Amino acid sequence: MTAPLPCSRGASRWLALFILLLAQLTPAPAADLTQAVEEKPARSEQLALLDDQRINESSGLAPSLRTPNLLWTLNDSGGPTTLYALNTQGQTLAEIDVNNAKNIDWEDLASGPNTEAQPTLFVADIGDNKKARPSIQIYEIPEPEFTPNAKPKKIAPTRTWNLRYPDGPANAETLLVHPKTGRLHILTKTLLGTATLYIAPATHQPDTVQVLEKITTLNFPLLHKPGKRPIDNLMTTGGSLSTDATRLVVATYNSLYEWTLPDGQLTAQALDATPIRIDPPLTRQMEAVCYQPNTYHLLFTSEDLPTPLHRLQRY
């Protein structure tokens, strides 16, 4: 389970000061988010508390590409290799047991097209707190048609992407799948606020560890928010692309940052633009966010029980 660092108020203050000093001594990455345009108050509502007590570490959220108003989620590291289908009332309607897969540290979930343009769920086993994994995995699961009251389906991945970073192991909790091309992107997470965006190769090569390509690095700032520590804003915990690929949202433990992508591409130039900072309602541990299909509205959950499902209106 990946969580904010536990520490006392005094220890948290000293840690925040240390990180701030270290950040001042470190050359600034390409895009500095301290200039993000703040948008608040955010118009949001809690749609539900999830009924299913098994979903106690919701760490990824993705809209169904087959069934309207259906969402998929998963639990964090070490749990069963299970995907849960939810409605917006918080009820579990279906399950997928993923065969031939491991949950070393599942950290995100995305939906998008595979290379055959079929609706697919992408499970991101990309967590690596100790930065010790020689490779990470992304599982492609064909999204089944929804059948009410059906027994849990057992589905094996059609592809397993074995990937590594070009500059050594890294921790990550954000998987982005381009809704038009299906290209896979990973955004890393650090305690210093630096997050590097990588893109996977266009073609899958089975039985090969393929190398990610670096696109750009972002710099998330310390930020004061009631109920959160300033350092919680440094750590990226999830993200999503809108259906038309013109918007990107990235979550930290206490903020949402949104970029406009005029050409629908995740490029260094696009992410060098100043994003909007959205102030969501306070949650214990926000790690899963997605766009509602064909809108710019955002849906997000939080780890720990009871698990809320929020909807945040966008324009």
Protein backbone atom coordinates (compact mmCIF):
# COMPACT_ATOMS: atom_id res chain seq x y z
CA MET A 1 0.00 0.00 0.00
CA THR A 2 1.35 3.43 -0.97
CA ALA A 3 0.42 6.21 1.44
CA PRO A 4 1.55 9.65 2.51
CA LEU A 5 4.51 9.53 4.85
CA PRO A 6 3.38 9.00 8.48
CA CYS A 7 4.93 11.51 10.86
CA SER A 8 4.10 13.85 13.71
CA ARG A 9 3.22 17.51 13.15
CA GLY A 10 6.71 18.59 14.21
CA ALA A 11 8.44 15.98 12.09
CA SER A 12 6.23 16.90 9.15
CA ARG A 13 7.24 20.56 9.48
CA TRP A 14 10.94 19.72 9.52
CA LEU A 15 10.56 17.35 6.59
CA ALA A 16 8.70 20.01 4.60
CA LEU A 17 11.49 22.54 5.32
CA PHE A 18 14.14 20.01 4.30
CA ILE A 19 12.36 19.24 1.04
CA LEU A 20 11.91 22.95 0.33
CA LEU A 21 15.63 23.62 0.92
CA LEU A 22 16.61 20.66 -1.24
CA ALA A 23 14.30 21.85 -3.99
CA GLN A 24 15.95 25.28 -3.91
CA LEU A 25 19.37 23.67 -4.35
CA THR A 26 18.20 21.49 -7.25
CA PRO A 27 17.94 22.86 -10.80
CA ALA A 28 14.29 23.37 -11.75
CA PRO A 29 12.83 20.84 -14.18
CA ALA A 30 11.20 21.87 -17.46
CA ALA A 31 7.74 22.75 -16.12
CA ASP A 32 7.28 24.41 -12.73
CA LEU A 33 3.73 24.14 -11.39
CA THR A 34 4.09 26.86 -8.77
CA GLN A 35 2.55 29.19 -11.37
CA ALA A 36 -0.56 27.04 -11.84
CA VAL A 37 -3.74 29.10 -12.15
CA GLU A 38 -5.89 28.33 -9.13
CA GLU A 39 -9.54 27.57 -9.73
CA LYS A 40 -11.80 27.32 -6.70
CA PRO A 41 -14.18 26.57 -5.28
CA ALA A 42 -14.56 23.44 -7.37
CA ARG A 43 -18.13 22.37 -8.02
CA SER A 44 -18.29 18.82 -6.70
CA GLU A 45 -20.66 16.30 -5.21
CA GLN A 46 -20.27 12.96 -3.49
CA LEU A 47 -22.16 10.49 -5.65
CA ALA A 48 -21.87 7.51 -3.29
CA LEU A 49 -19.94 5.50 -0.77
CA LEU A 50 -18.91 2.20 -2.32
CA ASP A 51 -20.97 -0.72 -0.99
CA ASP A 52 -18.23 -3.29 -1.53
CA GLN A 53 -16.01 -3.45 1.56
CA ARG A 54 -13.40 -5.37 -0.42
CA ILE A 55 -12.57 -2.15 -2.29
CA ASN A 56 -10.57 -0.62 0.54
CA GLU A 57 -7.62 0.72 -1.46
CA SER A 58 -9.16 2.08 -4.66
CA SER A 59 -6.01 3.02 -6.54
CA GLY A 60 -7.25 3.33 -10.12
CA LEU A 61 -10.46 4.38 -11.84
CA ALA A 62 -11.44 4.00 -15.50
CA PRO A 63 -14.71 4.44 -17.41
CA SER A 64 -16.13 1.51 -19.32
CA LEU A 65 -15.86 1.83 -23.09
CA ARG A 66 -18.72 -0.64 -23.57
CA THR A 67 -21.35 0.22 -20.95
CA PRO A 68 -22.51 3.77 -20.14
CA ASN A 69 -22.21 4.89 -16.49
CA LEU A 70 -20.04 1.88 -15.59
CA LEU A 71 -16.67 2.36 -13.91
CA TRP A 72 -13.80 -0.02 -13.24
CA THR A 73 -11.53 0.08 -10.21
CA LEU A 74 -8.87 -2.04 -8.50
CA ASN A 75 -7.09 -2.34 -5.19
CA ASP A 76 -3.50 -1.39 -4.42
CA SER A 77 -0.53 -3.69 -3.94
CA GLY A 78 -0.53 -7.26 -2.78
CA GLY A 79 -4.23 -7.97 -3.11
CA PRO A 80 -6.17 -10.27 -5.44
CA THR A 81 -5.80 -9.70 -9.17
CA THR A 82 -9.40 -8.51 -9.41
CA LEU A 83 -11.09 -5.66 -11.26
CA TYR A 84 -14.45 -4.39 -10.02
CA ALA A 85 -17.19 -2.81 -12.15
CA LEU A 86 -19.22 -0.13 -10.35
CA ASN A 87 -22.20 2.04 -11.10
CA THR A 88 -22.36 5.66 -9.99
CA GLN A 89 -24.49 4.64 -7.01
CA GLY A 90 -21.46 2.80 -5.62
CA GLN A 91 -22.69 -0.74 -6.25
CA THR A 92 -20.42 -3.51 -7.55
CA LEU A 93 -22.04 -4.96 -10.68
CA ALA A 94 -19.34 -7.25 -12.09
CA GLU A 95 -15.85 -8.63 -11.46
CA ILE A 96 -12.91 -9.77 -13.53
CA ASP A 97 -10.37 -12.18 -12.07
CA VAL A 98 -7.20 -11.58 -14.06
CA ASN A 99 -5.44 -14.87 -14.73
CA ASN A 100 -1.69 -15.17 -15.34
CA ALA A 101 -1.00 -11.84 -13.63
CA LYS A 102 0.59 -10.70 -10.38
CA ASN A 103 -0.36 -7.80 -8.15
CA ILE A 104 3.09 -6.72 -7.03
CA ASP A 105 2.03 -3.08 -6.72
CA TRP A 106 -1.02 -2.25 -8.84
CA GLU A 107 -1.24 1.53 -8.83
CA ASP A 108 -3.49 2.64 -11.68
CA LEU A 109 -6.08 1.54 -14.20
CA ALA A 110 -7.00 3.05 -17.58
CA SER A 111 -9.35 2.22 -20.42
CA GLY A 112 -8.57 2.74 -24.07
CA PRO A 113 -8.17 1.06 -27.43
CA ASN A 114 -5.71 -1.75 -28.05
CA THR A 115 -3.85 -2.07 -31.34
CA GLU A 116 -6.96 -3.66 -32.85
CA ALA A 117 -9.05 -0.67 -31.67
CA GLN A 118 -11.00 -2.86 -29.25
CA PRO A 119 -12.10 -1.62 -25.77
CA THR A 120 -9.39 -2.62 -23.34
CA LEU A 121 -8.54 -2.20 -19.67
CA PHE A 122 -4.90 -1.49 -18.86
CA VAL A 123 -3.70 -2.55 -15.40
CA ALA A 124 -0.57 -0.71 -14.26
CA ASP A 125 1.70 -2.75 -11.97
CA ILE A 126 4.12 0.15 -11.73
CA GLY A 127 4.56 0.87 -8.01
CA ASP A 128 8.14 0.65 -6.75
CA ASN A 129 8.63 2.51 -3.48
CA LYS A 130 12.11 1.06 -2.99
CA LYS A 131 13.11 1.70 -6.62
CA ALA A 132 14.33 -1.86 -6.90
CA ARG A 133 12.28 -3.42 -9.70
CA PRO A 134 14.28 -4.17 -12.87
CA SER A 135 11.04 -4.00 -14.88
CA ILE A 136 7.39 -3.05 -14.48
CA GLN A 137 4.29 -4.56 -16.07
CA ILE A 138 1.15 -3.29 -17.76
CA TYR A 139 -1.53 -5.89 -18.45
CA GLU A 140 -4.01 -5.53 -21.32
CA ILE A 141 -7.40 -7.01 -20.43
CA PRO A 142 -10.15 -7.12 -23.08
CA GLU A 143 -13.17 -5.40 -21.58
CA PRO A 144 -16.11 -7.83 -21.57
CA GLU A 145 -19.70 -6.98 -22.35
CA PHE A 146 -21.61 -6.27 -19.15
CA THR A 147 -24.10 -8.97 -18.14
CA PRO A 148 -26.28 -8.30 -15.07
CA ASN A 149 -25.89 -10.82 -12.23
CA ALA A 150 -23.11 -12.67 -14.06
CA LYS A 151 -20.53 -14.67 -12.12
CA PRO A 152 -17.01 -13.21 -11.93
CA LYS A 153 -15.24 -13.63 -15.25
CA LYS A 154 -11.78 -15.16 -15.46
CA ILE A 155 -9.81 -13.39 -18.19
CA ALA A 156 -6.13 -13.64 -19.07
CA PRO A 157 -4.23 -10.63 -20.44
CA THR A 158 -3.95 -10.49 -24.21
CA ARG A 159 -0.63 -8.68 -23.80
CA THR A 160 1.77 -8.06 -20.95
CA TRP A 161 4.04 -5.08 -21.44
CA ASN A 162 7.37 -5.54 -19.68
CA LEU A 163 8.97 -2.11 -19.44
CA ARG A 164 11.96 -0.41 -17.87
CA TYR A 165 13.07 3.18 -17.52
CA PRO A 166 16.11 4.35 -19.51
CA ASP A 167 17.67 5.93 -16.40
CA GLY A 168 17.08 3.31 -13.70
CA PRO A 169 14.12 2.14 -11.57
CA ALA A 170 11.48 4.64 -10.49
CA ASN A 171 8.27 4.69 -8.50
CA ALA A 172 5.02 5.58 -10.32
CA GLU A 173 1.28 5.64 -9.71
CA THR A 174 0.00 7.20 -12.94
CA LEU A 175 -0.79 5.41 -16.20
CA LEU A 176 -2.11 7.39 -19.16
CA VAL A 177 -3.51 5.66 -22.25
CA HIS A 178 -4.09 7.87 -25.26
CA PRO A 179 -7.79 7.48 -26.20
CA LYS A 180 -7.09 7.72 -29.95
CA THR A 181 -3.82 5.85 -30.43
CA GLY A 182 -3.67 3.58 -27.38
CA ARG A 183 -0.08 4.68 -26.64
CA LEU A 184 0.95 4.03 -23.03
CA HIS A 185 2.46 6.78 -20.86
CA ILE A 186 3.75 6.62 -17.28
CA LEU A 187 4.25 9.58 -14.94
CA THR A 188 6.62 8.92 -12.04
CA LYS A 189 6.25 9.95 -8.39
CA THR A 190 8.90 11.29 -6.00
CA LEU A 191 9.01 12.84 -2.53
CA LEU A 192 10.62 15.97 -3.99
CA GLY A 193 7.82 16.86 -6.39
CA THR A 194 9.65 15.96 -9.60
CA ALA A 195 7.60 13.73 -11.88
CA THR A 196 8.89 12.51 -15.22
CA LEU A 197 6.61 11.53 -18.09
CA TYR A 198 7.63 8.57 -20.25
CA ILE A 199 6.08 6.96 -23.33
CA ALA A 200 6.15 3.26 -24.15
CA PRO A 201 7.17 1.94 -27.58
CA ALA A 202 4.43 1.94 -30.20
CA THR A 203 4.76 -1.78 -30.88
CA HIS A 204 4.56 -4.52 -28.27
CA GLN A 205 7.38 -7.06 -28.30
CA PRO A 206 6.51 -10.21 -26.32
CA ASP A 207 9.14 -11.79 -24.07
CA THR A 208 11.19 -8.59 -24.20
CA VAL A 209 11.78 -5.86 -21.65
CA GLN A 210 11.16 -2.72 -23.67
CA VAL A 211 12.61 0.68 -22.82
CA LEU A 212 10.45 3.72 -22.08
CA GLU A 213 11.31 7.06 -23.67
CA LYS A 214 11.44 10.26 -21.62
CA ILE A 215 9.17 13.12 -22.70
CA THR A 216 9.52 15.79 -19.99
CA THR A 217 9.73 16.43 -16.26
CA LEU A 218 7.21 18.35 -14.13
CA ASN A 219 7.81 20.00 -10.77
CA PHE A 220 4.90 19.85 -8.28
CA PRO A 221 5.08 22.41 -5.45
CA LEU A 222 4.62 22.35 -1.71
CA LEU A 223 1.11 23.61 -0.96
CA HIS A 224 -0.79 24.46 2.22
CA LYS A 225 -4.31 23.01 2.45
CA PRO A 226 -6.36 22.51 5.62
CA GLY A 227 -6.29 18.85 6.63
CA LYS A 228 -3.22 18.07 4.50
CA ARG A 229 0.53 18.56 4.81
CA PRO A 230 2.34 20.76 2.28
CA ILE A 231 4.45 17.79 1.17
CA ASP A 232 1.31 15.84 0.16
CA ASN A 233 1.07 18.06 -2.90
CA LEU A 234 4.50 16.91 -4.11
CA MET A 235 3.44 13.32 -4.82
CA THR A 236 1.57 12.33 -7.98
CA THR A 237 -1.05 9.63 -7.40
CA GLY A 238 -3.08 9.23 -10.61
CA GLY A 239 -4.13 10.77 -13.89
CA SER A 240 -6.33 10.56 -16.95
CA LEU A 241 -6.89 11.86 -20.48
CA SER A 242 -10.29 13.11 -21.63
CA THR A 243 -12.17 11.14 -24.30
CA ASP A 244 -11.18 13.62 -27.02
CA ALA A 245 -7.54 13.72 -25.78
CA THR A 246 -7.61 17.51 -25.39
CA ARG A 247 -7.26 17.52 -21.60
CA LEU A 248 -4.98 15.88 -19.08
CA VAL A 249 -5.54 15.73 -15.33
CA VAL A 250 -2.93 14.67 -12.77
CA ALA A 251 -3.76 14.09 -9.10
CA THR A 252 -1.64 14.61 -6.02
CA TYR A 253 -2.82 13.77 -2.52
CA ASN A 254 -4.50 17.15 -2.24
CA SER A 255 -4.83 18.76 -5.68
CA LEU A 256 -5.83 18.16 -9.28
CA TYR A 257 -3.82 19.78 -12.08
CA GLU A 258 -5.34 20.09 -15.54
CA TRP A 259 -3.65 20.91 -18.84
CA THR A 260 -5.25 21.70 -22.18
CA LEU A 261 -3.67 19.74 -25.04
CA PRO A 262 -4.54 21.72 -28.20
CA ASP A 263 -3.27 19.07 -30.63
CA GLY A 264 -4.36 16.12 -28.48
CA GLN A 265 -0.79 15.02 -27.89
CA LEU A 266 1.25 14.58 -24.70
CA THR A 267 4.29 16.62 -25.63
CA ALA A 268 6.87 18.53 -23.62
CA GLN A 269 5.66 21.76 -25.21
CA ALA A 270 2.03 21.11 -24.20
CA LEU A 271 2.99 20.33 -20.59
CA ASP A 272 5.24 23.37 -20.37
CA ALA A 273 2.07 25.49 -20.50
CA THR A 274 0.61 26.71 -17.20
CA PRO A 275 -2.03 24.27 -15.91
CA ILE A 276 -5.10 24.95 -13.82
CA ARG A 277 -5.02 23.79 -10.20
CA ILE A 278 -8.37 22.43 -9.06
CA ASP A 279 -9.02 22.20 -5.33
CA PRO A 280 -11.09 19.03 -4.77
CA PRO A 281 -12.98 18.20 -1.58
CA LEU A 282 -10.82 16.80 1.20
CA THR A 283 -10.32 13.04 1.06
CA ARG A 284 -8.08 10.77 3.08
CA GLN A 285 -5.98 9.49 0.18
CA MET A 286 -6.96 10.41 -3.38
CA GLU A 287 -5.23 8.00 -5.78
CA ALA A 288 -7.74 7.40 -8.59
CA VAL A 289 -9.22 9.86 -11.08
CA CYS A 290 -10.74 9.73 -14.55
CA TYR A 291 -12.77 11.84 -16.94
CA GLN A 292 -16.42 11.03 -17.37
CA PRO A 293 -16.79 9.84 -21.01
CA ASN A 294 -17.51 12.55 -23.58
CA THR A 295 -17.30 15.29 -20.94
CA TYR A 296 -14.64 17.16 -19.02
CA HIS A 297 -16.21 16.25 -15.67
CA LEU A 298 -13.95 14.35 -13.28
CA LEU A 299 -14.69 11.29 -11.17
CA PHE A 300 -12.41 10.26 -8.32
CA THR A 301 -12.20 7.96 -5.31
CA SER A 302 -10.02 7.68 -2.22
CA GLU A 303 -8.28 4.83 -0.48
CA ASP A 304 -9.48 3.61 2.94
CA LEU A 305 -13.00 2.73 4.06
CA PRO A 306 -15.58 4.08 3.64
CA THR A 307 -14.59 4.64 0.00
CA PRO A 308 -16.22 7.74 -1.53
CA LEU A 309 -16.99 8.35 -5.20
CA HIS A 310 -16.94 12.04 -6.12
CA ARG A 311 -17.94 13.90 -9.28
CA LEU A 312 -16.34 17.25 -10.00
CA GLN A 313 -18.00 19.41 -12.64
CA ARG A 314 -15.81 20.93 -15.34
CA TYR A 315 -16.60 23.17 -18.27
